[in-house]
All heavy atoms as atom14 arrays in JSON, in Angstrom:
{
  "sequence": "FKTLGRAKRDVARERSLEAALDQSSERLQAWLAAEQSSPSEQAD",
  "atom14_mask": [
    [1, 1, 1, 1, 1, 1, 1, 1, 1, 1, 1, 0, 0, 0],
    [1, 1, 1, 1, 1, 1, 1, 1, 1, 0, 0, 0, 0, 0],
    [1, 1, 1, 1, 1, 1, 1, 0, 0, 0, 0, 0, 0, 0],
    [1, 1, 1, 1, 1, 1, 1, 1, 0, 0, 0, 0, 0, 0],
    [1, 1, 1, 1, 0, 0, 0, 0, 0, 0, 0, 0, 0, 0],
    [1, 1, 1, 1, 1, 1, 1, 1, 1, 1, 1, 0, 0, 0],
    [1, 1, 1, 1, 1, 0, 0, 0, 0, 0, 0, 0, 0, 0],
    [1, 1, 1, 1, 1, 1, 1, 1, 1, 0, 0, 0, 0, 0],
    [1, 1, 1, 1, 1, 1, 1, 1, 1, 1, 1, 0, 0, 0],
    [1, 1, 1, 1, 1, 1, 1, 1, 0, 0, 0, 0, 0, 0],
    [1, 1, 1, 1, 1, 1, 1, 0, 0, 0, 0, 0, 0, 0],
    [1, 1, 1, 1, 1, 0, 0, 0, 0, 0, 0, 0, 0, 0],
    [1, 1, 1, 1, 1, 1, 1, 1, 1, 1, 1, 0, 0, 0],
    [1, 1, 1, 1, 1, 1, 1, 1, 1, 0, 0, 0, 0, 0],
    [1, 1, 1, 1, 1, 1, 1, 1, 1, 1, 1, 0, 0, 0],
    [1, 1, 1, 1, 1, 1, 0, 0, 0, 0, 0, 0, 0, 0],
    [1, 1, 1, 1, 1, 1, 1, 1, 0, 0, 0, 0, 0, 0],
    [1, 1, 1, 1, 1, 1, 1, 1, 1, 0, 0, 0, 0, 0],
    [1, 1, 1, 1, 1, 0, 0, 0, 0, 0, 0, 0, 0, 0],
    [1, 1, 1, 1, 1, 0, 0, 0, 0, 0, 0, 0, 0, 0],
    [1, 1, 1, 1, 1, 1, 1, 1, 0, 0, 0, 0, 0, 0],
    [1, 1, 1, 1, 1, 1, 1, 1, 0, 0, 0, 0, 0, 0],
    [1, 1, 1, 1, 1, 1, 1, 1, 1, 0, 0, 0, 0, 0],
    [1, 1, 1, 1, 1, 1, 0, 0, 0, 0, 0, 0, 0, 0],
    [1, 1, 1, 1, 1, 1, 0, 0, 0, 0, 0, 0, 0, 0],
    [1, 1, 1, 1, 1, 1, 1, 1, 1, 0, 0, 0, 0, 0],
    [1, 1, 1, 1, 1, 1, 1, 1, 1, 1, 1, 0, 0, 0],
    [1, 1, 1, 1, 1, 1, 1, 1, 0, 0, 0, 0, 0, 0],
    [1, 1, 1, 1, 1, 1, 1, 1, 1, 0, 0, 0, 0, 0],
    [1, 1, 1, 1, 1, 0, 0, 0, 0, 0, 0, 0, 0, 0],
    [1, 1, 1, 1, 1, 1, 1, 1, 1, 1, 1, 1, 1, 1],
    [1, 1, 1, 1, 1, 1, 1, 1, 0, 0, 0, 0, 0, 0],
    [1, 1, 1, 1, 1, 0, 0, 0, 0, 0, 0, 0, 0, 0],
    [1, 1, 1, 1, 1, 0, 0, 0, 0, 0, 0, 0, 0, 0],
    [1, 1, 1, 1, 1, 1, 1, 1, 1, 0, 0, 0, 0, 0],
    [1, 1, 1, 1, 1, 1, 1, 1, 1, 0, 0, 0, 0, 0],
    [1, 1, 1, 1, 1, 1, 0, 0, 0, 0, 0, 0, 0, 0],
    [1, 1, 1, 1, 1, 1, 0, 0, 0, 0, 0, 0, 0, 0],
    [1, 1, 1, 1, 1, 1, 1, 0, 0, 0, 0, 0, 0, 0],
    [1, 1, 1, 1, 1, 1, 0, 0, 0, 0, 0, 0, 0, 0],
    [1, 1, 1, 1, 1, 1, 1, 1, 1, 0, 0, 0, 0, 0],
    [1, 1, 1, 1, 1, 1, 1, 1, 1, 0, 0, 0, 0, 0],
    [1, 1, 1, 1, 1, 0, 0, 0, 0, 0, 0, 0, 0, 0],
    [1, 1, 1, 1, 1, 1, 1, 1, 0, 0, 0, 0, 0, 0]
  ],
  "atom14_positions": [
    [[26.52, 15.66, -16.56], [26.11, 14.34, -16.89], [26.14, 13.41, -15.69], [25.22, 12.55, -15.5], [27.05, 13.74, -17.94], [26.76, 14.3, -19.4], [27.76, 14.96, -20.07], [25.53, 13.98, -19.87], [27.51, 15.37, -21.29], [25.27, 14.5, -21.18], [26.2, 15.19, -21.91], [0.0, 0.0, 0.0], [0.0, 0.0, 0.0], [0.0, 0.0, 0.0]],
    [[27.06, 13.59, -14.73], [27.11, 12.78, -13.46], [25.81, 13.14, -12.7], [25.16, 12.25, -12.1], [28.31, 13.1, -12.65], [29.58, 12.49, -13.22], [30.75, 12.83, -12.34], [32.02, 12.44, -12.92], [33.18, 12.95, -12.16], [0.0, 0.0, 0.0], [0.0, 0.0, 0.0], [0.0, 0.0, 0.0], [0.0, 0.0, 0.0], [0.0, 0.0, 0.0]],
    [[25.41, 14.42, -12.63], [24.29, 14.87, -11.88], [23.01, 14.27, -12.44], [22.14, 13.8, -11.68], [24.24, 16.38, -11.85], [25.4, 16.92, -11.35], [23.02, 16.85, -11.03], [0.0, 0.0, 0.0], [0.0, 0.0, 0.0], [0.0, 0.0, 0.0], [0.0, 0.0, 0.0], [0.0, 0.0, 0.0], [0.0, 0.0, 0.0], [0.0, 0.0, 0.0]],
    [[22.9, 14.15, -13.72], [21.77, 13.52, -14.36], [21.61, 12.1, -14.02], [20.5, 11.58, -13.87], [21.78, 13.73, -15.92], [21.55, 15.14, -16.46], [21.7, 15.18, -17.95], [20.06, 15.56, -16.04], [0.0, 0.0, 0.0], [0.0, 0.0, 0.0], [0.0, 0.0, 0.0], [0.0, 0.0, 0.0], [0.0, 0.0, 0.0], [0.0, 0.0, 0.0]],
    [[22.74, 11.41, -13.87], [22.7, 9.97, -13.6], [22.52, 9.64, -12.17], [22.2, 8.48, -11.81], [0.0, 0.0, 0.0], [0.0, 0.0, 0.0], [0.0, 0.0, 0.0], [0.0, 0.0, 0.0], [0.0, 0.0, 0.0], [0.0, 0.0, 0.0], [0.0, 0.0, 0.0], [0.0, 0.0, 0.0], [0.0, 0.0, 0.0], [0.0, 0.0, 0.0]],
    [[22.64, 10.54, -11.25], [22.41, 10.32, -9.81], [20.89, 10.04, -9.52], [20.05, 10.64, -10.05], [22.94, 11.37, -8.93], [24.51, 11.51, -8.98], [24.87, 12.6, -8.01], [26.34, 12.93, -8.27], [26.73, 14.11, -8.5], [25.93, 15.06, -8.43], [28.08, 14.26, -8.73], [0.0, 0.0, 0.0], [0.0, 0.0, 0.0], [0.0, 0.0, 0.0]],
    [[20.76, 9.16, -8.52], [19.36, 8.91, -8.08], [19.0, 9.94, -6.97], [18.93, 9.54, -5.81], [19.26, 7.5, -7.5], [0.0, 0.0, 0.0], [0.0, 0.0, 0.0], [0.0, 0.0, 0.0], [0.0, 0.0, 0.0], [0.0, 0.0, 0.0], [0.0, 0.0, 0.0], [0.0, 0.0, 0.0], [0.0, 0.0, 0.0], [0.0, 0.0, 0.0]],
    [[18.77, 11.1, -7.35], [18.41, 12.18, -6.42], [16.89, 12.02, -6.11], [16.14, 11.38, -6.82], [18.65, 13.57, -7.06], [20.08, 13.9, -7.08], [20.18, 15.39, -7.58], [21.56, 15.92, -7.3], [21.62, 17.27, -7.7], [0.0, 0.0, 0.0], [0.0, 0.0, 0.0], [0.0, 0.0, 0.0], [0.0, 0.0, 0.0], [0.0, 0.0, 0.0]],
    [[16.51, 12.73, -5.07], [15.14, 12.84, -4.75], [14.41, 13.52, -5.82], [14.65, 14.61, -6.16], [15.01, 13.59, -3.36], [13.57, 13.67, -2.96], [13.51, 14.34, -1.6], [12.19, 14.53, -1.23], [11.9, 15.13, -0.1], [12.79, 15.65, 0.65], [10.53, 15.34, 0.16], [0.0, 0.0, 0.0], [0.0, 0.0, 0.0], [0.0, 0.0, 0.0]],
    [[13.34, 12.83, -6.28], [12.47, 13.34, -7.4], [11.03, 13.48, -6.84], [10.45, 12.44, -6.36], [12.56, 12.4, -8.59], [11.75, 12.98, -9.78], [11.3, 14.06, -9.66], [11.62, 12.16, -10.75], [0.0, 0.0, 0.0], [0.0, 0.0, 0.0], [0.0, 0.0, 0.0], [0.0, 0.0, 0.0], [0.0, 0.0, 0.0], [0.0, 0.0, 0.0]],
    [[10.48, 14.64, -6.82], [9.17, 14.85, -6.28], [8.09, 13.96, -7.02], [7.14, 13.54, -6.46], [8.81, 16.37, -6.41], [7.39, 16.6, -5.85], [9.74, 17.12, -5.54], [0.0, 0.0, 0.0], [0.0, 0.0, 0.0], [0.0, 0.0, 0.0], [0.0, 0.0, 0.0], [0.0, 0.0, 0.0], [0.0, 0.0, 0.0], [0.0, 0.0, 0.0]],
    [[8.38, 13.69, -8.34], [7.39, 12.9, -9.13], [7.42, 11.47, -8.57], [6.39, 10.8, -8.85], [7.78, 12.98, -10.55], [0.0, 0.0, 0.0], [0.0, 0.0, 0.0], [0.0, 0.0, 0.0], [0.0, 0.0, 0.0], [0.0, 0.0, 0.0], [0.0, 0.0, 0.0], [0.0, 0.0, 0.0], [0.0, 0.0, 0.0], [0.0, 0.0, 0.0]],
    [[8.47, 11.0, -8.03], [8.53, 9.62, -7.58], [7.95, 9.46, -6.16], [7.77, 8.31, -5.63], [9.93, 9.1, -7.58], [10.46, 8.93, -8.95], [11.85, 8.28, -8.87], [12.67, 8.73, -7.77], [13.93, 8.41, -7.53], [14.56, 7.66, -8.37], [14.51, 8.88, -6.47], [0.0, 0.0, 0.0], [0.0, 0.0, 0.0], [0.0, 0.0, 0.0]],
    [[7.75, 10.52, -5.46], [7.24, 10.42, -4.1], [5.86, 9.92, -4.04], [4.97, 10.25, -4.86], [7.35, 11.78, -3.43], [8.81, 12.18, -3.01], [8.83, 13.5, -2.31], [7.82, 13.96, -1.93], [10.0, 13.96, -2.15], [0.0, 0.0, 0.0], [0.0, 0.0, 0.0], [0.0, 0.0, 0.0], [0.0, 0.0, 0.0], [0.0, 0.0, 0.0]],
    [[5.58, 9.12, -3.05], [4.19, 8.65, -2.73], [3.88, 8.9, -1.25], [4.69, 8.94, -0.48], [4.13, 7.11, -2.99], [4.51, 6.64, -4.39], [4.23, 5.24, -4.61], [4.82, 4.59, -3.48], [4.88, 3.18, -3.44], [4.35, 2.52, -4.42], [5.47, 2.57, -2.39], [0.0, 0.0, 0.0], [0.0, 0.0, 0.0], [0.0, 0.0, 0.0]],
    [[2.57, 9.13, -1.12], [2.11, 9.35, 0.24], [2.15, 8.1, 1.03], [1.82, 7.05, 0.59], [0.59, 9.77, 0.15], [0.12, 9.75, 1.47], [0.0, 0.0, 0.0], [0.0, 0.0, 0.0], [0.0, 0.0, 0.0], [0.0, 0.0, 0.0], [0.0, 0.0, 0.0], [0.0, 0.0, 0.0], [0.0, 0.0, 0.0], [0.0, 0.0, 0.0]],
    [[2.79, 8.27, 2.19], [2.92, 7.07, 3.2], [1.59, 6.58, 3.54], [1.39, 5.37, 3.64], [3.79, 7.46, 4.32], [4.14, 6.31, 5.28], [4.83, 5.23, 4.64], [4.96, 6.84, 6.43], [0.0, 0.0, 0.0], [0.0, 0.0, 0.0], [0.0, 0.0, 0.0], [0.0, 0.0, 0.0], [0.0, 0.0, 0.0], [0.0, 0.0, 0.0]],
    [[0.67, 7.45, 3.82], [-0.67, 7.06, 4.25], [-1.43, 6.31, 3.17], [-2.02, 5.33, 3.4], [-1.46, 8.28, 4.69], [-1.07, 8.87, 6.0], [-1.95, 10.1, 6.33], [-3.09, 10.19, 5.95], [-1.43, 10.91, 7.16], [0.0, 0.0, 0.0], [0.0, 0.0, 0.0], [0.0, 0.0, 0.0], [0.0, 0.0, 0.0], [0.0, 0.0, 0.0]],
    [[-1.24, 6.77, 1.92], [-1.9, 6.06, 0.83], [-1.28, 4.67, 0.6], [-2.07, 3.71, 0.39], [-1.72, 6.89, -0.5], [0.0, 0.0, 0.0], [0.0, 0.0, 0.0], [0.0, 0.0, 0.0], [0.0, 0.0, 0.0], [0.0, 0.0, 0.0], [0.0, 0.0, 0.0], [0.0, 0.0, 0.0], [0.0, 0.0, 0.0], [0.0, 0.0, 0.0]],
    [[-0.04, 4.55, 0.81], [0.67, 3.27, 0.61], [0.18, 2.35, 1.76], [-0.08, 1.14, 1.5], [2.17, 3.39, 0.7], [0.0, 0.0, 0.0], [0.0, 0.0, 0.0], [0.0, 0.0, 0.0], [0.0, 0.0, 0.0], [0.0, 0.0, 0.0], [0.0, 0.0, 0.0], [0.0, 0.0, 0.0], [0.0, 0.0, 0.0], [0.0, 0.0, 0.0]],
    [[0.04, 2.81, 2.96], [-0.44, 2.0, 4.06], [-1.9, 1.57, 3.86], [-2.29, 0.45, 4.19], [-0.33, 2.75, 5.41], [1.16, 2.87, 5.91], [1.19, 3.74, 7.19], [1.77, 1.44, 6.3], [0.0, 0.0, 0.0], [0.0, 0.0, 0.0], [0.0, 0.0, 0.0], [0.0, 0.0, 0.0], [0.0, 0.0, 0.0], [0.0, 0.0, 0.0]],
    [[-2.71, 2.49, 3.37], [-4.03, 2.18, 3.07], [-4.22, 1.12, 1.99], [-4.96, 0.11, 2.15], [-4.92, 3.41, 2.67], [-5.1, 4.41, 3.71], [-5.08, 3.93, 4.93], [-5.44, 5.64, 3.47], [0.0, 0.0, 0.0], [0.0, 0.0, 0.0], [0.0, 0.0, 0.0], [0.0, 0.0, 0.0], [0.0, 0.0, 0.0], [0.0, 0.0, 0.0]],
    [[-3.38, 1.16, 0.93], [-3.36, 0.24, -0.1], [-2.93, -1.15, 0.48], [-3.5, -2.24, 0.15], [-2.47, 0.56, -1.21], [-3.04, 1.77, -2.11], [-2.06, 2.17, -3.16], [-0.94, 1.75, -3.17], [-2.57, 2.96, -4.06], [0.0, 0.0, 0.0], [0.0, 0.0, 0.0], [0.0, 0.0, 0.0], [0.0, 0.0, 0.0], [0.0, 0.0, 0.0]],
    [[-1.98, -1.13, 1.3], [-1.4, -2.3, 1.85], [-2.41, -3.01, 2.75], [-2.71, -4.2, 2.67], [-0.16, -2.06, 2.72], [0.17, -3.12, 3.47], [0.0, 0.0, 0.0], [0.0, 0.0, 0.0], [0.0, 0.0, 0.0], [0.0, 0.0, 0.0], [0.0, 0.0, 0.0], [0.0, 0.0, 0.0], [0.0, 0.0, 0.0], [0.0, 0.0, 0.0]],
    [[-3.13, -2.21, 3.59], [-4.13, -2.89, 4.44], [-5.33, -3.37, 3.63], [-5.91, -4.42, 4.0], [-4.54, -1.9, 5.56], [-5.16, -0.75, 4.95], [0.0, 0.0, 0.0], [0.0, 0.0, 0.0], [0.0, 0.0, 0.0], [0.0, 0.0, 0.0], [0.0, 0.0, 0.0], [0.0, 0.0, 0.0], [0.0, 0.0, 0.0], [0.0, 0.0, 0.0]],
    [[-5.67, -2.61, 2.6], [-6.77, -3.14, 1.73], [-6.37, -4.44, 1.06], [-7.2, -5.34, 0.97], [-7.11, -2.08, 0.7], [-7.82, -0.88, 1.2], [-7.9, 0.27, 0.15], [-7.55, 0.09, -1.02], [-8.28, 1.37, 0.56], [0.0, 0.0, 0.0], [0.0, 0.0, 0.0], [0.0, 0.0, 0.0], [0.0, 0.0, 0.0], [0.0, 0.0, 0.0]],
    [[-5.15, -4.6, 0.56], [-4.79, -5.82, -0.08], [-4.76, -7.0, 0.95], [-5.16, -8.07, 0.59], [-3.33, -5.63, -0.65], [-3.33, -4.95, -1.99], [-2.05, -5.19, -2.67], [-1.91, -4.23, -3.81], [-1.17, -3.2, -3.81], [-0.46, -2.78, -2.85], [-1.24, -2.35, -4.9], [0.0, 0.0, 0.0], [0.0, 0.0, 0.0], [0.0, 0.0, 0.0]],
    [[-4.22, -6.68, 2.12], [-4.23, -7.74, 3.23], [-5.55, -8.11, 3.56], [-5.93, -9.31, 3.69], [-3.45, -7.14, 4.42], [-3.25, -8.14, 5.56], [-2.48, -9.35, 5.05], [-2.56, -7.56, 6.66], [0.0, 0.0, 0.0], [0.0, 0.0, 0.0], [0.0, 0.0, 0.0], [0.0, 0.0, 0.0], [0.0, 0.0, 0.0], [0.0, 0.0, 0.0]],
    [[-6.46, -7.16, 3.69], [-7.87, -7.37, 4.0], [-8.57, -8.21, 2.96], [-9.29, -9.13, 3.21], [-8.64, -6.13, 4.28], [-10.0, -6.3, 4.93], [-9.93, -6.73, 6.37], [-8.82, -6.66, 6.99], [-11.0, -7.11, 6.93], [0.0, 0.0, 0.0], [0.0, 0.0, 0.0], [0.0, 0.0, 0.0], [0.0, 0.0, 0.0], [0.0, 0.0, 0.0]],
    [[-8.35, -7.89, 1.69], [-8.93, -8.59, 0.59], [-8.36, -10.07, 0.57], [-9.03, -11.02, 0.18], [-8.68, -7.87, -0.72], [0.0, 0.0, 0.0], [0.0, 0.0, 0.0], [0.0, 0.0, 0.0], [0.0, 0.0, 0.0], [0.0, 0.0, 0.0], [0.0, 0.0, 0.0], [0.0, 0.0, 0.0], [0.0, 0.0, 0.0], [0.0, 0.0, 0.0]],
    [[-7.09, -10.18, 0.92], [-6.49, -11.54, 0.91], [-7.06, -12.45, 2.02], [-7.27, -13.57, 1.78], [-4.96, -11.32, 1.13], [-4.22, -12.71, 1.12], [-4.06, -13.59, 0.17], [-3.51, -13.14, 2.25], [-3.3, -14.6, 0.6], [-2.96, -14.37, 1.91], [-3.25, -12.66, 3.56], [-2.14, -15.22, 2.76], [-2.49, -13.47, 4.4], [-2.01, -14.69, 4.0]],
    [[-7.37, -11.82, 3.07], [-7.86, -12.62, 4.24], [-9.35, -12.72, 4.22], [-9.83, -13.67, 4.96], [-7.4, -11.92, 5.57], [-5.86, -11.9, 5.93], [-5.73, -11.1, 7.17], [-5.37, -13.31, 6.13], [0.0, 0.0, 0.0], [0.0, 0.0, 0.0], [0.0, 0.0, 0.0], [0.0, 0.0, 0.0], [0.0, 0.0, 0.0], [0.0, 0.0, 0.0]],
    [[-10.09, -11.89, 3.54], [-11.51, -11.93, 3.71], [-12.26, -12.23, 2.43], [-11.81, -11.91, 1.41], [-11.91, -10.44, 4.12], [0.0, 0.0, 0.0], [0.0, 0.0, 0.0], [0.0, 0.0, 0.0], [0.0, 0.0, 0.0], [0.0, 0.0, 0.0], [0.0, 0.0, 0.0], [0.0, 0.0, 0.0], [0.0, 0.0, 0.0], [0.0, 0.0, 0.0]],
    [[-13.47, -12.69, 2.61], [-14.37, -12.94, 1.47], [-15.25, -11.68, 1.53], [-15.23, -10.9, 2.38], [-15.24, -14.23, 1.68], [0.0, 0.0, 0.0], [0.0, 0.0, 0.0], [0.0, 0.0, 0.0], [0.0, 0.0, 0.0], [0.0, 0.0, 0.0], [0.0, 0.0, 0.0], [0.0, 0.0, 0.0], [0.0, 0.0, 0.0], [0.0, 0.0, 0.0]],
    [[-16.2, -11.53, 0.45], [-16.98, -10.42, 0.35], [-17.96, -10.25, 1.55], [-18.05, -9.23, 2.17], [-17.88, -10.57, -1.03], [-17.09, -10.15, -2.21], [-16.8, -8.7, -2.32], [-17.68, -7.87, -1.92], [-15.77, -8.47, -2.8], [0.0, 0.0, 0.0], [0.0, 0.0, 0.0], [0.0, 0.0, 0.0], [0.0, 0.0, 0.0], [0.0, 0.0, 0.0]],
    [[-18.56, -11.35, 1.89], [-19.51, -11.28, 3.06], [-19.06, -12.48, 3.93], [-18.98, -13.6, 3.59], [-20.96, -11.53, 2.64], [-21.44, -10.41, 1.69], [-22.92, -10.67, 1.26], [-23.52, -11.68, 1.59], [-23.37, -9.74, 0.53], [0.0, 0.0, 0.0], [0.0, 0.0, 0.0], [0.0, 0.0, 0.0], [0.0, 0.0, 0.0], [0.0, 0.0, 0.0]],
    [[-18.97, -12.07, 5.23], [-18.54, -13.12, 6.24], [-19.2, -12.84, 7.56], [-19.67, -11.73, 7.79], [-17.01, -13.13, 6.38], [-16.57, -11.81, 6.76], [0.0, 0.0, 0.0], [0.0, 0.0, 0.0], [0.0, 0.0, 0.0], [0.0, 0.0, 0.0], [0.0, 0.0, 0.0], [0.0, 0.0, 0.0], [0.0, 0.0, 0.0], [0.0, 0.0, 0.0]],
    [[-19.29, -13.89, 8.3], [-19.94, -13.76, 9.66], [-19.03, -13.07, 10.6], [-17.82, -12.97, 10.36], [-20.27, -15.18, 10.13], [-19.06, -15.84, 10.47], [0.0, 0.0, 0.0], [0.0, 0.0, 0.0], [0.0, 0.0, 0.0], [0.0, 0.0, 0.0], [0.0, 0.0, 0.0], [0.0, 0.0, 0.0], [0.0, 0.0, 0.0], [0.0, 0.0, 0.0]],
    [[-19.59, -12.61, 11.74], [-18.7, -11.98, 12.75], [-17.51, -12.9, 13.26], [-16.52, -12.4, 13.51], [-19.73, -11.64, 13.85], [-21.0, -11.46, 13.16], [-20.97, -12.49, 12.11], [0.0, 0.0, 0.0], [0.0, 0.0, 0.0], [0.0, 0.0, 0.0], [0.0, 0.0, 0.0], [0.0, 0.0, 0.0], [0.0, 0.0, 0.0], [0.0, 0.0, 0.0]],
    [[-17.86, -14.18, 13.38], [-16.82, -15.08, 13.83], [-15.74, -15.26, 12.8], [-14.52, -15.31, 13.13], [-17.4, -16.45, 14.11], [-17.88, -17.07, 12.98], [0.0, 0.0, 0.0], [0.0, 0.0, 0.0], [0.0, 0.0, 0.0], [0.0, 0.0, 0.0], [0.0, 0.0, 0.0], [0.0, 0.0, 0.0], [0.0, 0.0, 0.0], [0.0, 0.0, 0.0]],
    [[-16.0, -15.2, 11.52], [-15.05, -15.27, 10.43], [-14.24, -13.93, 10.38], [-13.07, -13.95, 10.27], [-15.71, -15.39, 9.05], [-16.23, -16.83, 8.86], [-16.95, -16.97, 7.58], [-17.51, -15.94, 7.07], [-17.11, -18.12, 7.04], [0.0, 0.0, 0.0], [0.0, 0.0, 0.0], [0.0, 0.0, 0.0], [0.0, 0.0, 0.0], [0.0, 0.0, 0.0]],
    [[-14.86, -12.87, 10.72], [-14.21, -11.59, 10.8], [-13.17, -11.55, 12.03], [-12.04, -11.13, 11.89], [-15.21, -10.39, 10.93], [-15.92, -10.09, 9.7], [-17.03, -9.03, 9.87], [-17.21, -8.47, 10.98], [-17.68, -8.68, 8.76], [0.0, 0.0, 0.0], [0.0, 0.0, 0.0], [0.0, 0.0, 0.0], [0.0, 0.0, 0.0], [0.0, 0.0, 0.0]],
    [[-13.65, -12.14, 13.11], [-12.77, -12.21, 14.27], [-11.58, -13.08, 14.0], [-10.4, -12.83, 14.34], [-13.55, -12.76, 15.47], [0.0, 0.0, 0.0], [0.0, 0.0, 0.0], [0.0, 0.0, 0.0], [0.0, 0.0, 0.0], [0.0, 0.0, 0.0], [0.0, 0.0, 0.0], [0.0, 0.0, 0.0], [0.0, 0.0, 0.0], [0.0, 0.0, 0.0]],
    [[-11.81, -14.24, 13.21], [-10.73, -15.13, 12.84], [-9.69, -14.43, 11.98], [-8.54, -14.51, 12.05], [-11.3, -16.35, 12.15], [-11.9, -17.36, 13.09], [-11.64, -17.31, 14.24], [-12.69, -18.22, 12.54], [0.0, 0.0, 0.0], [0.0, 0.0, 0.0], [0.0, 0.0, 0.0], [0.0, 0.0, 0.0], [0.0, 0.0, 0.0], [0.0, 0.0, 0.0]]
  ]
}
């Protein structure tokens, strides 16, 4: 019962670090950018 309650490493809970970074950068990009922007807006 103690073993069941421990927060052991569970393969089902693992997420790819690369996928998480991609999602993070996509969210940040969407937050900072509009759909279509000029090169100067992209530089900003």
